[in-house]
PDB file of N, CA and C in Angstrom:
ATOM      1  N   UNK A   1      14.778 -23.939  15.766  1.00  0.00           N
ATOM      2  CA  UNK A   1      13.584 -23.281  16.267  1.00  0.00           C
ATOM      3  C   UNK A   1      12.369 -24.077  15.810  1.00  0.00           C
ATOM      4  N   UNK A   2      11.448 -24.339  16.716  1.00  0.00           N
ATOM      5  CA  UNK A   2      10.258 -25.103  16.360  1.00  0.00           C
ATOM      6  C   UNK A   2       9.289 -24.256  15.573  1.00  0.00           C
ATOM      7  N   UNK A   3       8.344 -24.931  14.944  1.00  0.00           N
ATOM      8  CA  UNK A   3       7.354 -24.217  14.131  1.00  0.00           C
ATOM      9  C   UNK A   3       6.552 -23.245  14.989  1.00  0.00           C
ATOM     10  N   UNK A   4       6.149 -23.667  16.198  1.00  0.00           N
ATOM     11  CA  UNK A   4       5.352 -22.767  17.036  1.00  0.00           C
ATOM     12  C   UNK A   4       6.167 -21.561  17.473  1.00  0.00           C
ATOM     13  N   UNK A   5       7.470 -21.724  17.703  1.00  0.00           N
ATOM     14  CA  UNK A   5       8.312 -20.594  18.086  1.00  0.00           C
ATOM     15  C   UNK A   5       8.401 -19.573  16.966  1.00  0.00           C
ATOM     16  N   UNK A   6       8.571 -20.033  15.735  1.00  0.00           N
ATOM     17  CA  UNK A   6       8.653 -19.097  14.623  1.00  0.00           C
ATOM     18  C   UNK A   6       7.322 -18.390  14.408  1.00  0.00           C
ATOM     19  N   UNK A   7       6.226 -19.082  14.649  1.00  0.00           N
ATOM     20  CA  UNK A   7       4.916 -18.441  14.536  1.00  0.00           C
ATOM     21  C   UNK A   7       4.752 -17.386  15.617  1.00  0.00           C
ATOM     22  N   UNK A   8       5.223 -17.660  16.837  1.00  0.00           N
ATOM     23  CA  UNK A   8       5.128 -16.683  17.926  1.00  0.00           C
ATOM     24  C   UNK A   8       5.907 -15.421  17.585  1.00  0.00           C
ATOM     25  N   UNK A   9       7.090 -15.574  16.985  1.00  0.00           N
ATOM     26  CA  UNK A   9       7.888 -14.417  16.605  1.00  0.00           C
ATOM     27  C   UNK A   9       7.159 -13.602  15.552  1.00  0.00           C
ATOM     28  N   UNK A  10       6.571 -14.243  14.558  1.00  0.00           N
ATOM     29  CA  UNK A  10       5.838 -13.526  13.516  1.00  0.00           C
ATOM     30  C   UNK A  10       4.670 -12.767  14.107  1.00  0.00           C
ATOM     31  N   UNK A  11       3.938 -13.403  14.991  1.00  0.00           N
ATOM     32  CA  UNK A  11       2.789 -12.744  15.614  1.00  0.00           C
ATOM     33  C   UNK A  11       3.256 -11.559  16.441  1.00  0.00           C
ATOM     34  N   UNK A  12       4.325 -11.733  17.213  1.00  0.00           N
ATOM     35  CA  UNK A  12       4.851 -10.662  18.049  1.00  0.00           C
ATOM     36  C   UNK A  12       5.287  -9.475  17.205  1.00  0.00           C
ATOM     37  N   UNK A  13       6.001  -9.730  16.115  1.00  0.00           N
ATOM     38  CA  UNK A  13       6.435  -8.633  15.250  1.00  0.00           C
ATOM     39  C   UNK A  13       5.238  -7.904  14.666  1.00  0.00           C
ATOM     40  N   UNK A  14       4.211  -8.629  14.257  1.00  0.00           N
ATOM     41  CA  UNK A  14       3.025  -8.002  13.692  1.00  0.00           C
ATOM     42  C   UNK A  14       2.352  -7.110  14.731  1.00  0.00           C
ATOM     43  N   UNK A  15       2.223  -7.603  15.934  1.00  0.00           N
ATOM     44  CA  UNK A  15       1.582  -6.807  16.980  1.00  0.00           C
ATOM     45  C   UNK A  15       2.388  -5.556  17.292  1.00  0.00           C
ATOM     46  N   UNK A  16       3.717  -5.674  17.306  1.00  0.00           N
ATOM     47  CA  UNK A  16       4.561  -4.522  17.583  1.00  0.00           C
ATOM     48  C   UNK A  16       4.401  -3.443  16.522  1.00  0.00           C
ATOM     49  N   UNK A  17       4.186  -3.819  15.264  1.00  0.00           N
ATOM     50  CA  UNK A  17       4.049  -2.818  14.222  1.00  0.00           C
ATOM     51  C   UNK A  17       2.683  -2.158  14.242  1.00  0.00           C
ATOM     52  N   UNK A  18       1.689  -2.827  14.790  1.00  0.00           N
ATOM     53  CA  UNK A  18       0.348  -2.245  14.798  1.00  0.00           C
ATOM     54  C   UNK A  18       0.199  -1.187  15.890  1.00  0.00           C
ATOM     55  N   UNK A  19       0.572  -1.517  17.117  1.00  0.00           N
ATOM     56  CA  UNK A  19       0.408  -0.585  18.226  1.00  0.00           C
ATOM     57  C   UNK A  19       1.606  -0.716  19.149  1.00  0.00           C
ATOM     58  N   UNK A  20       2.223   0.398  19.457  1.00  0.00           N
ATOM     59  CA  UNK A  20       3.367   0.388  20.347  1.00  0.00           C
ATOM     60  C   UNK A  20       2.940  -0.011  21.753  1.00  0.00           C
ATOM     61  N   UNK A  21       3.838  -0.694  22.474  1.00  0.00           N
ATOM     62  CA  UNK A  21       3.534  -1.066  23.852  1.00  0.00           C
ATOM     63  C   UNK A  21       3.892   0.054  24.814  1.00  0.00           C
ATOM     64  N   UNK A  22       4.579   1.080  24.343  1.00  0.00           N
ATOM     65  CA  UNK A  22       4.923   2.228  25.187  1.00  0.00           C
ATOM     66  C   UNK A  22       3.635   2.978  25.501  1.00  0.00           C
ATOM     67  N   UNK A  23       3.334   3.210  26.776  1.00  0.00           N
ATOM     68  CA  UNK A  23       2.031   3.781  27.133  1.00  0.00           C
ATOM     69  C   UNK A  23       1.753   5.178  26.573  1.00  0.00           C
ATOM     70  N   UNK A  24       2.796   5.967  26.323  1.00  0.00           N
ATOM     71  CA  UNK A  24       2.578   7.327  25.834  1.00  0.00           C
ATOM     72  C   UNK A  24       2.645   7.438  24.318  1.00  0.00           C
ATOM     73  N   UNK A  25       3.002   6.363  23.656  1.00  0.00           N
ATOM     74  CA  UNK A  25       3.159   6.402  22.211  1.00  0.00           C
ATOM     75  C   UNK A  25       2.283   5.350  21.562  1.00  0.00           C
ATOM     76  N   UNK A  26       1.296   5.801  20.821  1.00  0.00           N
ATOM     77  CA  UNK A  26       0.442   4.875  20.083  1.00  0.00           C
ATOM     78  C   UNK A  26       0.737   5.067  18.606  1.00  0.00           C
ATOM     79  N   UNK A  27       0.931   3.969  17.912  1.00  0.00           N
ATOM     80  CA  UNK A  27       1.192   4.033  16.483  1.00  0.00           C
ATOM     81  C   UNK A  27       0.104   3.295  15.736  1.00  0.00           C
ATOM     82  N   UNK A  28      -0.016   3.610  14.473  1.00  0.00           N
ATOM     83  CA  UNK A  28      -0.980   2.947  13.613  1.00  0.00           C
ATOM     84  C   UNK A  28      -0.259   2.536  12.346  1.00  0.00           C
ATOM     85  N   UNK A  29      -0.411   1.292  11.979  1.00  0.00           N
ATOM     86  CA  UNK A  29       0.229   0.794  10.768  1.00  0.00           C
ATOM     87  C   UNK A  29      -0.549   1.288   9.556  1.00  0.00           C
ATOM     88  N   UNK A  30       0.189   1.743   8.545  1.00  0.00           N
ATOM     89  CA  UNK A  30      -0.446   2.150   7.297  1.00  0.00           C
ATOM     90  C   UNK A  30       0.485   1.829   6.140  1.00  0.00           C
ATOM     91  N   UNK A  31      -0.091   1.714   4.988  1.00  0.00           N
ATOM     92  CA  UNK A  31       0.676   1.442   3.787  1.00  0.00           C
ATOM     93  C   UNK A  31       0.600   2.667   2.894  1.00  0.00           C
ATOM     94  N   UNK A  32       1.735   3.072   2.373  1.00  0.00           N
ATOM     95  CA  UNK A  32       1.737   4.217   1.454  1.00  0.00           C
ATOM     96  C   UNK A  32       2.401   3.803   0.151  1.00  0.00           C
ATOM     97  N   UNK A  33       1.955   4.405  -0.919  1.00  0.00           N
ATOM     98  CA  UNK A  33       2.566   4.188  -2.227  1.00  0.00           C
ATOM     99  C   UNK A  33       3.423   5.397  -2.535  1.00  0.00           C
ATOM    100  N   UNK A  34       4.655   5.119  -2.938  1.00  0.00           N
ATOM    101  CA  UNK A  34       5.584   6.182  -3.284  1.00  0.00           C
ATOM    102  C   UNK A  34       6.103   5.952  -4.695  1.00  0.00           C
ATOM    103  N   UNK A  35       6.535   7.012  -5.333  1.00  0.00           N
ATOM    104  CA  UNK A  35       7.180   6.868  -6.622  1.00  0.00           C
ATOM    105  C   UNK A  35       8.391   5.961  -6.419  1.00  0.00           C
ATOM    106  N   UNK A  36       8.625   5.057  -7.352  1.00  0.00           N
ATOM    107  CA  UNK A  36       9.663   4.030  -7.185  1.00  0.00           C
ATOM    108  C   UNK A  36      11.039   4.635  -6.906  1.00  0.00           C
ATOM    109  N   UNK A  37      11.440   5.630  -7.689  1.00  0.00           N
ATOM    110  CA  UNK A  37      12.764   6.235  -7.500  1.00  0.00           C
ATOM    111  C   UNK A  37      12.857   6.938  -6.151  1.00  0.00           C
ATOM    112  N   UNK A  38      11.808   7.657  -5.771  1.00  0.00           N
ATOM    113  CA  UNK A  38      11.796   8.348  -4.490  1.00  0.00           C
ATOM    114  C   UNK A  38      11.837   7.345  -3.337  1.00  0.00           C
ATOM    115  N   UNK A  39      11.126   6.250  -3.469  1.00  0.00           N
ATOM    116  CA  UNK A  39      11.121   5.215  -2.442  1.00  0.00           C
ATOM    117  C   UNK A  39      12.521   4.658  -2.233  1.00  0.00           C
ATOM    118  N   UNK A  40      13.235   4.423  -3.319  1.00  0.00           N
ATOM    119  CA  UNK A  40      14.604   3.915  -3.229  1.00  0.00           C
ATOM    120  C   UNK A  40      15.515   4.928  -2.546  1.00  0.00           C
ATOM    121  N   UNK A  41      15.416   6.189  -2.933  1.00  0.00           N
ATOM    122  CA  UNK A  41      16.240   7.241  -2.311  1.00  0.00           C
ATOM    123  C   UNK A  41      15.933   7.360  -0.828  1.00  0.00           C
ATOM    124  N   UNK A  42      14.665   7.297  -0.484  1.00  0.00           N
ATOM    125  CA  UNK A  42      14.244   7.376   0.915  1.00  0.00           C
ATOM    126  C   UNK A  42      14.804   6.206   1.711  1.00  0.00           C
ATOM    127  N   UNK A  43      14.738   5.011   1.156  1.00  0.00           N
ATOM    128  CA  UNK A  43      15.273   3.825   1.830  1.00  0.00           C
ATOM    129  C   UNK A  43      16.778   3.937   2.050  1.00  0.00           C
ATOM    130  N   UNK A  44      17.503   4.407   1.037  1.00  0.00           N
ATOM    131  CA  UNK A  44      18.957   4.561   1.156  1.00  0.00           C
ATOM    132  C   UNK A  44      19.309   5.579   2.236  1.00  0.00           C
ATOM    133  N   UNK A  45      18.602   6.696   2.269  1.00  0.00           N
ATOM    134  CA  UNK A  45      18.847   7.723   3.280  1.00  0.00           C
ATOM    135  C   UNK A  45      18.604   7.171   4.683  1.00  0.00           C
ATOM    136  N   UNK A  46      17.507   6.462   4.843  1.00  0.00           N
ATOM    137  CA  UNK A  46      17.166   5.916   6.158  1.00  0.00           C
ATOM    138  C   UNK A  46      18.173   4.861   6.595  1.00  0.00           C
ATOM    139  N   UNK A  47      18.574   4.008   5.677  1.00  0.00           N
ATOM    140  CA  UNK A  47      19.555   2.962   5.997  1.00  0.00           C
ATOM    141  C   UNK A  47      20.878   3.600   6.413  1.00  0.00           C
ATOM    142  N   UNK A  48      21.308   4.621   5.698  1.00  0.00           N
ATOM    143  CA  UNK A  48      22.574   5.288   6.000  1.00  0.00           C
ATOM    144  C   UNK A  48      22.555   5.960   7.374  1.00  0.00           C
ATOM    145  N   UNK A  49      21.363   6.341   7.826  1.00  0.00           N
ATOM    146  CA  UNK A  49      21.245   7.040   9.104  1.00  0.00           C
ATOM    147  C   UNK A  49      20.682   6.179  10.225  1.00  0.00           C
ATOM    148  N   UNK A  50      20.405   4.922   9.929  1.00  0.00           N
ATOM    149  CA  UNK A  50      19.925   3.997  10.950  1.00  0.00           C
ATOM    150  C   UNK A  50      18.559   4.330  11.506  1.00  0.00           C
ATOM    151  N   UNK A  51      17.674   4.831  10.630  1.00  0.00           N
ATOM    152  CA  UNK A  51      16.310   5.160  11.057  1.00  0.00           C
ATOM    153  C   UNK A  51      15.313   4.513  10.107  1.00  0.00           C
ATOM    154  N   UNK A  52      14.076   4.423  10.545  1.00  0.00           N
ATOM    155  CA  UNK A  52      13.040   3.869   9.676  1.00  0.00           C
ATOM    156  C   UNK A  52      12.435   4.976   8.827  1.00  0.00           C
ATOM    157  N   UNK A  53      11.815   4.577   7.731  1.00  0.00           N
ATOM    158  CA  UNK A  53      11.126   5.536   6.863  1.00  0.00           C
ATOM    159  C   UNK A  53      10.009   6.227   7.622  1.00  0.00           C
ATOM    160  N   UNK A  54       9.304   5.467   8.454  1.00  0.00           N
ATOM    161  CA  UNK A  54       8.179   6.017   9.207  1.00  0.00           C
ATOM    162  C   UNK A  54       8.627   7.137  10.139  1.00  0.00           C
ATOM    163  N   UNK A  55       9.735   6.902  10.856  1.00  0.00           N
ATOM    164  CA  UNK A  55      10.235   7.900  11.795  1.00  0.00           C
ATOM    165  C   UNK A  55      10.686   9.153  11.050  1.00  0.00           C
ATOM    166  N   UNK A  56      11.326   8.976   9.906  1.00  0.00           N
ATOM    167  CA  UNK A  56      11.754  10.130   9.117  1.00  0.00           C
ATOM    168  C   UNK A  56      10.547  10.938   8.650  1.00  0.00           C
ATOM    169  N   UNK A  57       9.532  10.273   8.150  1.00  0.00           N
ATOM    170  CA  UNK A  57       8.333  10.969   7.681  1.00  0.00           C
ATOM    171  C   UNK A  57       7.666  11.720   8.831  1.00  0.00           C
ATOM    172  N   UNK A  58       7.585  11.083  10.005  1.00  0.00           N
ATOM    173  CA  UNK A  58       7.010  11.757  11.172  1.00  0.00           C
ATOM    174  C   UNK A  58       7.792  13.017  11.521  1.00  0.00           C
ATOM    175  N   UNK A  59       9.131  12.916  11.552  1.00  0.00           N
ATOM    176  CA  UNK A  59       9.966  14.064  11.901  1.00  0.00           C
ATOM    177  C   UNK A  59       9.828  15.181  10.871  1.00  0.00           C
ATOM    178  N   UNK A  60       9.820  14.814   9.591  1.00  0.00           N
ATOM    179  CA  UNK A  60       9.640  15.818   8.532  1.00  0.00           C
ATOM    180  C   UNK A  60       8.310  16.537   8.686  1.00  0.00           C
ATOM    181  N   UNK A  61       7.269  15.770   8.918  1.00  0.00           N
ATOM    182  CA  UNK A  61       5.939  16.351   9.061  1.00  0.00           C
ATOM    183  C   UNK A  61       5.899  17.327  10.231  1.00  0.00           C
ATOM    184  N   UNK A  62       6.409  16.902  11.382  1.00  0.00           N
ATOM    185  CA  UNK A  62       6.377  17.765  12.559  1.00  0.00           C
ATOM    186  C   UNK A  62       7.217  19.022  12.370  1.00  0.00           C
ATOM    187  N   UNK A  63       8.380  18.877  11.740  1.00  0.00           N
ATOM    188  CA  UNK A  63       9.248  20.028  11.523  1.00  0.00           C
ATOM    189  C   UNK A  63       8.610  21.041  10.568  1.00  0.00           C
ATOM    190  N   UNK A  64       8.149  20.563   9.441  1.00  0.00           N
ATOM    191  CA  UNK A  64       7.613  21.481   8.439  1.00  0.00           C
ATOM    192  C   UNK A  64       6.245  22.016   8.810  1.00  0.00           C
ATOM    193  N   UNK A  65       5.490  21.276   9.599  1.00  0.00           N
ATOM    194  CA  UNK A  65       4.192  21.769  10.060  1.00  0.00           C
ATOM    195  C   UNK A  65       4.371  23.022  10.922  1.00  0.00           C
ATOM    196  N   UNK A  66       5.496  23.101  11.611  1.00  0.00           N
ATOM    197  CA  UNK A  66       5.776  24.242  12.487  1.00  0.00           C
ATOM    198  C   UNK A  66       6.260  25.471  11.709  1.00  0.00           C
ATOM    199  N   UNK A  67       6.558  25.336  10.434  1.00  0.00           N
ATOM    200  CA  UNK A  67       7.050  26.449   9.610  1.00  0.00           C
ATOM    201  C   UNK A  67       6.028  26.731   8.513  1.00  0.00           C
ATOM    202  N   UNK A  68       5.128  27.694   8.732  1.00  0.00           N
ATOM    203  CA  UNK A  68       4.025  27.938   7.789  1.00  0.00           C
ATOM    204  C   UNK A  68       4.463  28.217   6.354  1.00  0.00           C
ATOM    205  N   UNK A  69       5.547  28.935   6.157  1.00  0.00           N
ATOM    206  CA  UNK A  69       5.985  29.250   4.803  1.00  0.00           C
ATOM    207  C   UNK A  69       6.441  27.989   4.071  1.00  0.00           C
ATOM    208  N   UNK A  70       7.247  27.184   4.715  1.00  0.00           N
ATOM    209  CA  UNK A  70       7.721  25.945   4.097  1.00  0.00           C
ATOM    210  C   UNK A  70       6.553  24.984   3.945  1.00  0.00           C
ATOM    211  N   UNK A  71       5.682  24.954   4.944  1.00  0.00           N
ATOM    212  CA  UNK A  71       4.518  24.066   4.908  1.00  0.00           C
ATOM    213  C   UNK A  71       3.662  24.356   3.676  1.00  0.00           C
ATOM    214  N   UNK A  72       3.444  25.623   3.353  1.00  0.00           N
ATOM    215  CA  UNK A  72       2.647  25.988   2.177  1.00  0.00           C
ATOM    216  C   UNK A  72       3.328  25.540   0.888  1.00  0.00           C
ATOM    217  N   UNK A  73       4.651  25.643   0.827  1.00  0.00           N
ATOM    218  CA  UNK A  73       5.384  25.189  -0.358  1.00  0.00           C
ATOM    219  C   UNK A  73       5.249  23.670  -0.516  1.00  0.00           C
ATOM    220  N   UNK A  74       5.314  22.946   0.580  1.00  0.00           N
ATOM    221  CA  UNK A  74       5.167  21.483   0.537  1.00  0.00           C
ATOM    222  C   UNK A  74       3.760  21.111   0.094  1.00  0.00           C
ATOM    223  N   UNK A  75       2.766  21.786   0.639  1.00  0.00           N
ATOM    224  CA  UNK A  75       1.387  21.495   0.249  1.00  0.00           C
ATOM    225  C   UNK A  75       1.151  21.793  -1.231  1.00  0.00           C
ATOM    226  N   UNK A  76       1.747  22.867  -1.737  1.00  0.00           N
ATOM    227  CA  UNK A  76       1.599  23.198  -3.163  1.00  0.00           C
ATOM    228  C   UNK A  76       2.217  22.097  -4.026  1.00  0.00           C
ATOM    229  N   UNK A  77       3.388  21.613  -3.646  1.00  0.00           N
ATOM    230  CA  UNK A  77       4.035  20.522  -4.385  1.00  0.00           C
ATOM    231  C   UNK A  77       3.194  19.253  -4.300  1.00  0.00           C
ATOM    232  N   UNK A  78       2.667  18.971  -3.121  1.00  0.00           N
ATOM    233  CA  UNK A  78       1.836  17.777  -2.937  1.00  0.00           C
ATOM    234  C   UNK A  78       0.587  17.841  -3.808  1.00  0.00           C
ATOM    235  N   UNK A  79      -0.033  19.007  -3.881  1.00  0.00           N
ATOM    236  CA  UNK A  79      -1.231  19.157  -4.715  1.00  0.00           C
ATOM    237  C   UNK A  79      -0.892  18.950  -6.189  1.00  0.00           C
ATOM    238  N   UNK A  80       0.246  19.468  -6.630  1.00  0.00           N
ATOM    239  CA  UNK A  80       0.667  19.294  -8.021  1.00  0.00           C
ATOM    240  C   UNK A  80       0.944  17.819  -8.319  1.00  0.00           C
ATOM    241  N   UNK A  81       1.618  17.145  -7.401  1.00  0.00           N
ATOM    242  CA  UNK A  81       1.886  15.712  -7.583  1.00  0.00           C
ATOM    243  C   UNK A  81       0.579  14.923  -7.589  1.00  0.00           C
ATOM    244  N   UNK A  82      -0.349  15.282  -6.728  1.00  0.00           N
ATOM    245  CA  UNK A  82      -1.642  14.607  -6.682  1.00  0.00           C
ATOM    246  C   UNK A  82      -2.402  14.763  -7.988  1.00  0.00           C
ATOM    247  N   UNK A  83      -2.368  15.963  -8.538  1.00  0.00           N
ATOM    248  CA  UNK A  83      -3.027  16.222  -9.823  1.00  0.00           C
ATOM    249  C   UNK A  83      -2.383  15.405 -10.933  1.00  0.00           C
ATOM    250  N   UNK A  84      -1.054  15.326 -10.924  1.00  0.00           N
ATOM    251  CA  UNK A  84      -0.341  14.552 -11.933  1.00  0.00           C
ATOM    252  C   UNK A  84      -0.716  13.074 -11.833  1.00  0.00           C
ATOM    253  N   UNK A  85      -0.773  12.539 -10.627  1.00  0.00           N
ATOM    254  CA  UNK A  85      -1.160  11.135 -10.455  1.00  0.00           C
ATOM    255  C   UNK A  85      -2.591  10.897 -10.917  1.00  0.00           C
ATOM    256  N   UNK A  86      -3.461  11.843 -10.670  1.00  0.00           N
ATOM    257  CA  UNK A  86      -4.852  11.727 -11.099  1.00  0.00           C
ATOM    258  C   UNK A  86      -4.938  11.694 -12.622  1.00  0.00           C
ATOM    259  N   UNK A  87      -4.171  12.541 -13.283  1.00  0.00           N
ATOM    260  CA  UNK A  87      -4.169  12.560 -14.742  1.00  0.00           C
ATOM    261  C   UNK A  87      -3.655  11.238 -15.316  1.00  0.00           C
ATOM    262  N   UNK A  88      -2.611  10.690 -14.718  1.00  0.00           N
ATOM    263  CA  UNK A  88      -2.077   9.404 -15.182  1.00  0.00           C
ATOM    264  C   UNK A  88      -3.118   8.305 -14.981  1.00  0.00           C
ATOM    265  N   UNK A  89      -3.761   8.296 -13.830  1.00  0.00           N
ATOM    266  CA  UNK A  89      -4.795   7.286 -13.556  1.00  0.00           C
ATOM    267  C   UNK A  89      -5.953   7.411 -14.530  1.00  0.00           C
ATOM    268  N   UNK A  90      -6.368   8.639 -14.849  1.00  0.00           N
ATOM    269  CA  UNK A  90      -7.459   8.854 -15.795  1.00  0.00           C
ATOM    270  C   UNK A  90      -7.074   8.372 -17.199  1.00  0.00           C
ATOM    271  N   UNK A  91      -5.833   8.612 -17.596  1.00  0.00           N
ATOM    272  CA  UNK A  91      -5.375   8.163 -18.909  1.00  0.00           C
ATOM    273  C   UNK A  91      -5.367   6.634 -18.979  1.00  0.00           C
ATOM    274  N   UNK A  92      -4.889   5.989 -17.933  1.00  0.00           N
ATOM    275  CA  UNK A  92      -4.867   4.523 -17.902  1.00  0.00           C
ATOM    276  C   UNK A  92      -6.285   3.970 -17.957  1.00  0.00           C
ATOM    277  N   UNK A  93      -7.185   4.599 -17.227  1.00  0.00           N
ATOM    278  CA  UNK A  93      -8.585   4.166 -17.216  1.00  0.00           C
ATOM    279  C   UNK A  93      -9.193   4.321 -18.604  1.00  0.00           C
ATOM    280  N   UNK A  94      -8.935   5.440 -19.266  1.00  0.00           N
ATOM    281  CA  UNK A  94      -9.470   5.682 -20.602  1.00  0.00           C
ATOM    282  C   UNK A  94      -8.899   4.673 -21.602  1.00  0.00           C
ATOM    283  N   UNK A  95      -7.605   4.384 -21.523  1.00  0.00           N
ATOM    284  CA  UNK A  95      -6.997   3.406 -22.422  1.00  0.00           C
ATOM    285  C   UNK A  95      -7.609   2.018 -22.199  1.00  0.00           C
ATOM    286  N   UNK A  96      -7.828   1.670 -20.958  1.00  0.00           N
ATOM    287  CA  UNK A  96      -8.414   0.379 -20.634  1.00  0.00           C
ATOM    288  C   UNK A  96      -9.825   0.257 -21.204  1.00  0.00           C
ATOM    289  N   UNK A  97     -10.600   1.316 -21.081  1.00  0.00           N
ATOM    290  CA  UNK A  97     -11.970   1.308 -21.600  1.00  0.00           C
ATOM    291  C   UNK A  97     -11.966   1.223 -23.124  1.00  0.00           C
ATOM    292  N   UNK A  98     -11.044   1.937 -23.765  1.00  0.00           N
ATOM    293  CA  UNK A  98     -10.966   1.891 -25.225  1.00  0.00           C
ATOM    294  C   UNK A  98     -10.607   0.486 -25.703  1.00  0.00           C
ATOM    295  N   UNK A  99      -9.723  -0.197 -24.995  1.00  0.00           N
ATOM    296  CA  UNK A  99      -9.337  -1.555 -25.375  1.00  0.00           C
ATOM    297  C   UNK A  99     -10.504  -2.504 -25.204  1.00  0.00           C
ATOM    298  N   UNK A 100     -11.311  -2.320 -24.193  1.00  0.00           N
ATOM    299  CA  UNK A 100     -12.477  -3.211 -23.965  1.00  0.00           C
ATOM    300  C   UNK A 100     -13.513  -3.065 -25.063  1.00  0.00           C
ATOM    301  N   UNK A 101     -13.692  -1.845 -25.549  1.00  0.00           N
ATOM    302  CA  UNK A 101     -14.767  -1.601 -26.515  1.00  0.00           C
ATOM    303  C   UNK A 101     -14.299  -1.643 -27.967  1.00  0.00           C
ATOM    304  N   UNK A 102     -13.039  -1.931 -28.207  1.00  0.00           N
ATOM    305  CA  UNK A 102     -12.586  -1.992 -29.610  1.00  0.00           C
ATOM    306  C   UNK A 102     -12.432  -3.421 -30.077  1.00  0.00           C
TER     307      UNK A 102
END
């Protein structure tokens, strides 16, 4: 394969991930940070079922959004996880500042 051919493939793959060519389906590329262990479990589940992480997340969101009781439980867990991440970030920031000034 020539250099220009490999570049064309890279460009094509990038464009496909940014916006779908299907007229009724528009996608947007985004990056998310996940807990390392959860990310690994999610990847294994998706690989075993032949689906992408993105498609699984979309399906989960749509399913649970339609069930208000489960949706509230998920939001409560998400808020707790968000608070925990904020506390860890604040502790790291405080430790960093203490090291700079000592």
